[in-house]
Amino acid sequence: MLPHDITQTNVAVRRLINATDNPRHRFLLMAFDRHRNLEMAGRYEELFAPDMMVGEPVYHIRANRANLKLQGADAVRSLYRMWAATNQSVFYVENEEIAVADNFVACVGVGYQQVSARSLRINKVLSYVPRFLAEGLVKRVLARGKFEADDNSMYLYKCTYQMFWPYDPQGRLLGEDVWEPDPDKAEITKLDPADVLTMEQSRRLLDPLIKPLPAHDEMVHGARA
């Protein structure tokens, strides 16, 4: 049995929410917490609610040997859809530190992502391909839309990560910048099928932690829309 608990992935976020008095900062941390739990529960469609994310988000991902830019809701949605279908939306963290400012949330820590053998192979190939070609290949793969989970070929990818999430004046996510500063130190461990957390299991564990967001203007400015 793995020594990880997905319900504790956001424990550092929740601690900071409880220690934060600034209403704008509290709102951004609550949105950050909700986003990560929705993602890990496979409820990715809810990430694109008009009070959660802008219409044209931009994701920069330099992690797990990938170097990609995904722009627009359709491109980002296709990544989340693939992860959810293949049980790759599962993340665990250790020693996470989080900072919040008026327009962003940033964090650094040790992360574990449940990844498929196929994703590991694709990312290794993409690491040798120029970025503009890699992005085109990834978009074609994600556009296929048909993905299946295989609990017999899953791995746990461990690395140190740094993330920067910017938000607009209404507290909506503008995108994500995800960076793995030293990929050569990543650790990849084959998972026993019994240790693979499925999206159904993850959702059951995380649903009780997912709460609706308050209205941004009412919370931050005391004004009703």
Protein backbone atom coordinates (compact mmCIF):
# COMPACT_ATOMS: atom_id res chain seq x y z
CA MET A 1 0.00 0.00 0.00
CA LEU A 2 1.29 3.46 -0.91
CA PRO A 3 2.01 5.91 1.94
CA HIS A 4 0.06 8.65 0.18
CA ASP A 5 -3.39 10.13 0.80
CA ILE A 6 -4.94 12.22 -1.97
CA THR A 7 -7.17 14.01 0.55
CA GLN A 8 -3.96 15.52 2.00
CA THR A 9 -2.62 16.83 -1.32
CA ASN A 10 -4.02 20.31 -0.59
CA VAL A 11 -3.27 20.36 3.13
CA ALA A 12 -0.77 23.24 2.76
CA VAL A 13 -3.37 25.24 0.82
CA ARG A 14 -5.97 24.75 3.53
CA ARG A 15 -3.51 25.76 6.24
CA LEU A 16 -2.72 28.98 4.38
CA ILE A 17 -6.41 29.77 3.83
CA ASN A 18 -6.98 29.51 7.57
CA ALA A 19 -4.01 31.81 8.26
CA THR A 20 -4.93 34.46 5.65
CA ASP A 21 -7.02 37.53 6.44
CA ASN A 22 -6.81 39.44 3.13
CA PRO A 23 -10.14 38.66 1.39
CA ARG A 24 -8.69 38.75 -2.15
CA HIS A 25 -5.87 36.42 -1.14
CA ARG A 26 -8.31 34.09 0.60
CA PHE A 27 -10.47 33.97 -2.52
CA LEU A 28 -7.52 33.06 -4.76
CA LEU A 29 -6.44 30.31 -2.38
CA MET A 30 -9.99 28.96 -2.23
CA ALA A 31 -10.14 28.95 -6.05
CA PHE A 32 -6.73 27.23 -6.17
CA ASP A 33 -7.87 24.58 -3.68
CA ARG A 34 -11.13 23.98 -5.54
CA HIS A 35 -9.37 23.74 -8.91
CA ARG A 36 -6.87 21.13 -7.77
CA ASN A 37 -9.52 19.01 -6.08
CA LEU A 38 -11.82 19.16 -9.11
CA GLU A 39 -8.92 18.18 -11.36
CA MET A 40 -7.88 15.23 -9.18
CA ALA A 41 -11.50 14.07 -8.89
CA GLY A 42 -11.84 13.98 -12.67
CA ARG A 43 -14.50 16.73 -12.59
CA TYR A 44 -12.56 18.76 -15.14
CA GLU A 45 -15.56 20.27 -16.91
CA GLU A 46 -16.29 22.31 -13.78
CA LEU A 47 -12.88 23.97 -14.10
CA PHE A 48 -14.19 25.91 -17.08
CA ALA A 49 -17.07 27.57 -15.25
CA PRO A 50 -17.13 31.32 -16.00
CA ASP A 51 -16.22 32.18 -12.40
CA MET A 52 -13.26 29.77 -12.38
CA MET A 53 -11.28 30.28 -15.58
CA VAL A 54 -10.98 32.77 -18.43
CA GLY A 55 -12.08 31.76 -21.90
CA GLU A 56 -8.55 31.65 -23.32
CA PRO A 57 -6.30 30.14 -20.66
CA VAL A 58 -2.61 29.60 -21.44
CA TYR A 59 -0.71 26.67 -19.92
CA HIS A 60 3.08 26.37 -20.04
CA ILE A 61 4.27 22.92 -18.97
CA ARG A 62 7.93 22.04 -18.62
CA ALA A 63 7.70 18.84 -16.61
CA ASN A 64 7.94 15.08 -17.08
CA ARG A 65 10.23 15.77 -20.08
CA ALA A 66 7.49 17.76 -21.80
CA ASN A 67 7.92 21.35 -23.00
CA LEU A 68 4.50 22.49 -24.13
CA LYS A 69 2.24 25.47 -24.49
CA LEU A 70 -1.50 24.83 -24.52
CA GLN A 71 -3.64 27.83 -25.40
CA GLY A 72 -7.40 28.07 -25.27
CA ALA A 73 -10.10 26.20 -23.37
CA ASP A 74 -10.36 23.40 -25.93
CA ALA A 75 -6.64 22.57 -25.77
CA VAL A 76 -6.56 22.64 -21.98
CA ARG A 77 -9.79 20.65 -21.69
CA SER A 78 -8.39 17.93 -23.94
CA LEU A 79 -5.44 17.45 -21.58
CA TYR A 80 -7.68 17.14 -18.53
CA ARG A 81 -10.02 14.81 -20.40
CA MET A 82 -7.15 12.48 -21.29
CA TRP A 83 -5.77 12.51 -17.75
CA ALA A 84 -9.19 11.72 -16.25
CA ALA A 85 -9.85 8.89 -18.71
CA THR A 86 -6.50 7.26 -17.96
CA ASN A 87 -6.29 7.82 -14.18
CA GLN A 88 -3.48 10.36 -14.58
CA SER A 89 -5.25 13.15 -12.68
CA VAL A 90 -3.97 11.73 -9.39
CA PHE A 91 -1.37 13.87 -7.58
CA TYR A 92 0.25 13.61 -4.18
CA VAL A 93 2.60 16.19 -2.63
CA GLU A 94 5.19 16.48 0.12
CA ASN A 95 6.76 19.53 1.76
CA GLU A 96 4.70 21.96 -0.30
CA GLU A 97 5.16 25.68 0.31
CA ILE A 98 2.57 28.11 -1.05
CA ALA A 99 2.60 31.89 -1.47
CA VAL A 100 -0.26 34.16 -2.50
CA ALA A 101 -0.27 37.73 -3.79
CA ASP A 102 -2.93 39.99 -5.26
CA ASN A 103 -2.81 38.35 -8.70
CA PHE A 104 -1.19 34.93 -8.36
CA VAL A 105 -0.65 31.78 -6.33
CA ALA A 106 2.78 30.14 -6.42
CA CYS A 107 4.01 26.90 -4.90
CA VAL A 108 7.00 24.60 -4.73
CA GLY A 109 7.25 21.09 -3.39
CA VAL A 110 7.82 17.44 -4.11
CA GLY A 111 5.09 16.00 -6.26
CA TYR A 112 3.96 12.57 -7.39
CA GLN A 113 1.79 12.07 -10.47
CA GLN A 114 0.21 8.80 -11.46
CA VAL A 115 1.25 8.37 -15.10
CA SER A 116 0.78 5.74 -17.77
CA ALA A 117 3.53 3.89 -19.57
CA ARG A 118 2.24 5.38 -22.81
CA SER A 119 2.58 8.93 -21.52
CA LEU A 120 6.12 8.23 -20.35
CA ARG A 121 7.04 6.92 -23.81
CA ILE A 122 5.44 9.86 -25.62
CA ASN A 123 7.08 12.43 -23.37
CA LYS A 124 10.49 10.83 -23.84
CA VAL A 125 10.10 11.06 -27.61
CA LEU A 126 8.86 14.64 -27.39
CA SER A 127 11.91 15.66 -25.35
CA TYR A 128 14.02 15.15 -28.51
CA VAL A 129 11.64 17.04 -30.79
CA PRO A 130 11.63 20.84 -31.36
CA ARG A 131 8.95 22.54 -29.30
CA PHE A 132 6.76 23.65 -32.22
CA LEU A 133 6.66 20.08 -33.56
CA ALA A 134 6.08 18.61 -30.09
CA GLU A 135 3.10 20.89 -29.50
CA GLY A 136 1.55 19.86 -32.80
CA LEU A 137 2.01 16.16 -32.01
CA VAL A 138 0.50 16.54 -28.56
CA LYS A 139 -2.53 18.38 -29.91
CA ARG A 140 -3.13 15.62 -32.46
CA VAL A 141 -2.85 12.92 -29.80
CA LEU A 142 -5.20 14.74 -27.43
CA ALA A 143 -7.69 15.45 -30.21
CA ARG A 144 -8.23 11.72 -30.74
CA GLY A 145 -10.59 11.80 -27.77
CA LYS A 146 -10.57 8.03 -27.07
CA PHE A 147 -8.45 6.96 -24.13
CA GLU A 148 -8.58 3.94 -21.85
CA ALA A 149 -7.10 3.31 -18.44
CA ASP A 150 -4.70 0.40 -17.92
CA ASP A 151 -3.99 -0.24 -14.25
CA ASN A 152 -1.34 -2.81 -15.21
CA SER A 153 0.98 -0.22 -16.77
CA MET A 154 0.91 2.72 -14.38
CA TYR A 155 3.82 4.47 -12.71
CA LEU A 156 4.38 7.10 -10.03
CA TYR A 157 6.45 10.03 -11.28
CA LYS A 158 8.20 11.88 -8.43
CA CYS A 159 9.90 15.24 -8.89
CA THR A 160 10.46 18.67 -7.43
CA TYR A 161 8.09 21.15 -9.05
CA GLN A 162 7.45 24.89 -9.14
CA MET A 163 4.11 26.34 -10.21
CA PHE A 164 2.81 29.85 -10.87
CA TRP A 165 -0.92 30.41 -11.39
CA PRO A 166 -1.96 33.97 -12.44
CA TYR A 167 -5.50 35.26 -11.90
CA ASP A 168 -7.46 38.13 -13.46
CA PRO A 169 -9.19 40.94 -11.48
CA GLN A 170 -12.32 38.76 -11.07
CA GLY A 171 -10.28 35.92 -9.56
CA ARG A 172 -10.45 33.72 -12.66
CA LEU A 173 -7.49 31.54 -13.59
CA LEU A 174 -5.49 32.89 -16.53
CA GLY A 175 -3.37 29.77 -16.92
CA GLU A 176 -0.64 27.71 -15.32
CA ASP A 177 3.14 27.76 -15.51
CA VAL A 178 4.46 24.37 -14.34
CA TRP A 179 8.18 23.79 -14.17
CA GLU A 180 10.30 20.81 -13.14
CA PRO A 181 13.73 22.41 -12.59
CA ASP A 182 15.79 19.21 -12.50
CA PRO A 183 14.16 16.38 -14.48
CA ASP A 184 17.30 14.25 -14.24
CA LYS A 185 16.50 13.74 -10.56
CA ALA A 186 12.98 12.46 -11.18
CA GLU A 187 12.11 9.05 -9.78
CA ILE A 188 9.77 6.72 -11.66
CA THR A 189 8.29 3.74 -9.83
CA LYS A 190 6.13 0.98 -11.29
CA LEU A 191 2.82 0.74 -9.48
CA ASP A 192 1.18 -2.48 -8.43
CA PRO A 193 -2.34 -2.48 -9.95
CA ALA A 194 -3.74 -2.60 -6.41
CA ASP A 195 -2.04 0.73 -5.67
CA VAL A 196 -3.47 2.56 -8.68
CA LEU A 197 -6.08 5.10 -7.61
CA THR A 198 -8.91 5.24 -10.13
CA MET A 199 -10.91 8.35 -10.92
CA GLU A 200 -13.96 6.78 -9.31
CA GLN A 201 -12.03 6.21 -6.08
CA SER A 202 -10.46 9.66 -6.21
CA ARG A 203 -13.81 11.36 -6.74
CA ARG A 204 -15.35 9.49 -3.84
CA LEU A 205 -12.52 10.66 -1.57
CA LEU A 206 -12.43 14.26 -2.78
CA ASP A 207 -16.09 15.12 -3.32
CA PRO A 208 -16.61 16.00 0.38
CA LEU A 209 -13.74 18.54 0.14
CA ILE A 210 -15.07 20.36 -2.93
CA LYS A 211 -17.10 23.39 -1.94
CA PRO A 212 -18.70 26.09 -4.15
CA LEU A 213 -16.78 29.33 -4.50
CA PRO A 214 -18.30 32.46 -2.98
CA ALA A 215 -19.01 35.35 -5.33
CA HIS A 216 -15.72 37.18 -5.87
CA ASP A 217 -17.02 40.75 -5.62
CA GLU A 218 -19.16 40.01 -2.58
CA MET A 219 -16.27 38.36 -0.74
CA VAL A 220 -13.55 40.82 -1.77
CA HIS A 221 -15.47 44.10 -1.99
CA GLY A 222 -18.62 43.36 -0.01
CA ALA A 223 -20.66 44.05 -3.15
CA ARG A 224 -23.39 41.89 -4.62
CA ALA A 225 -23.36 41.33 -8.37
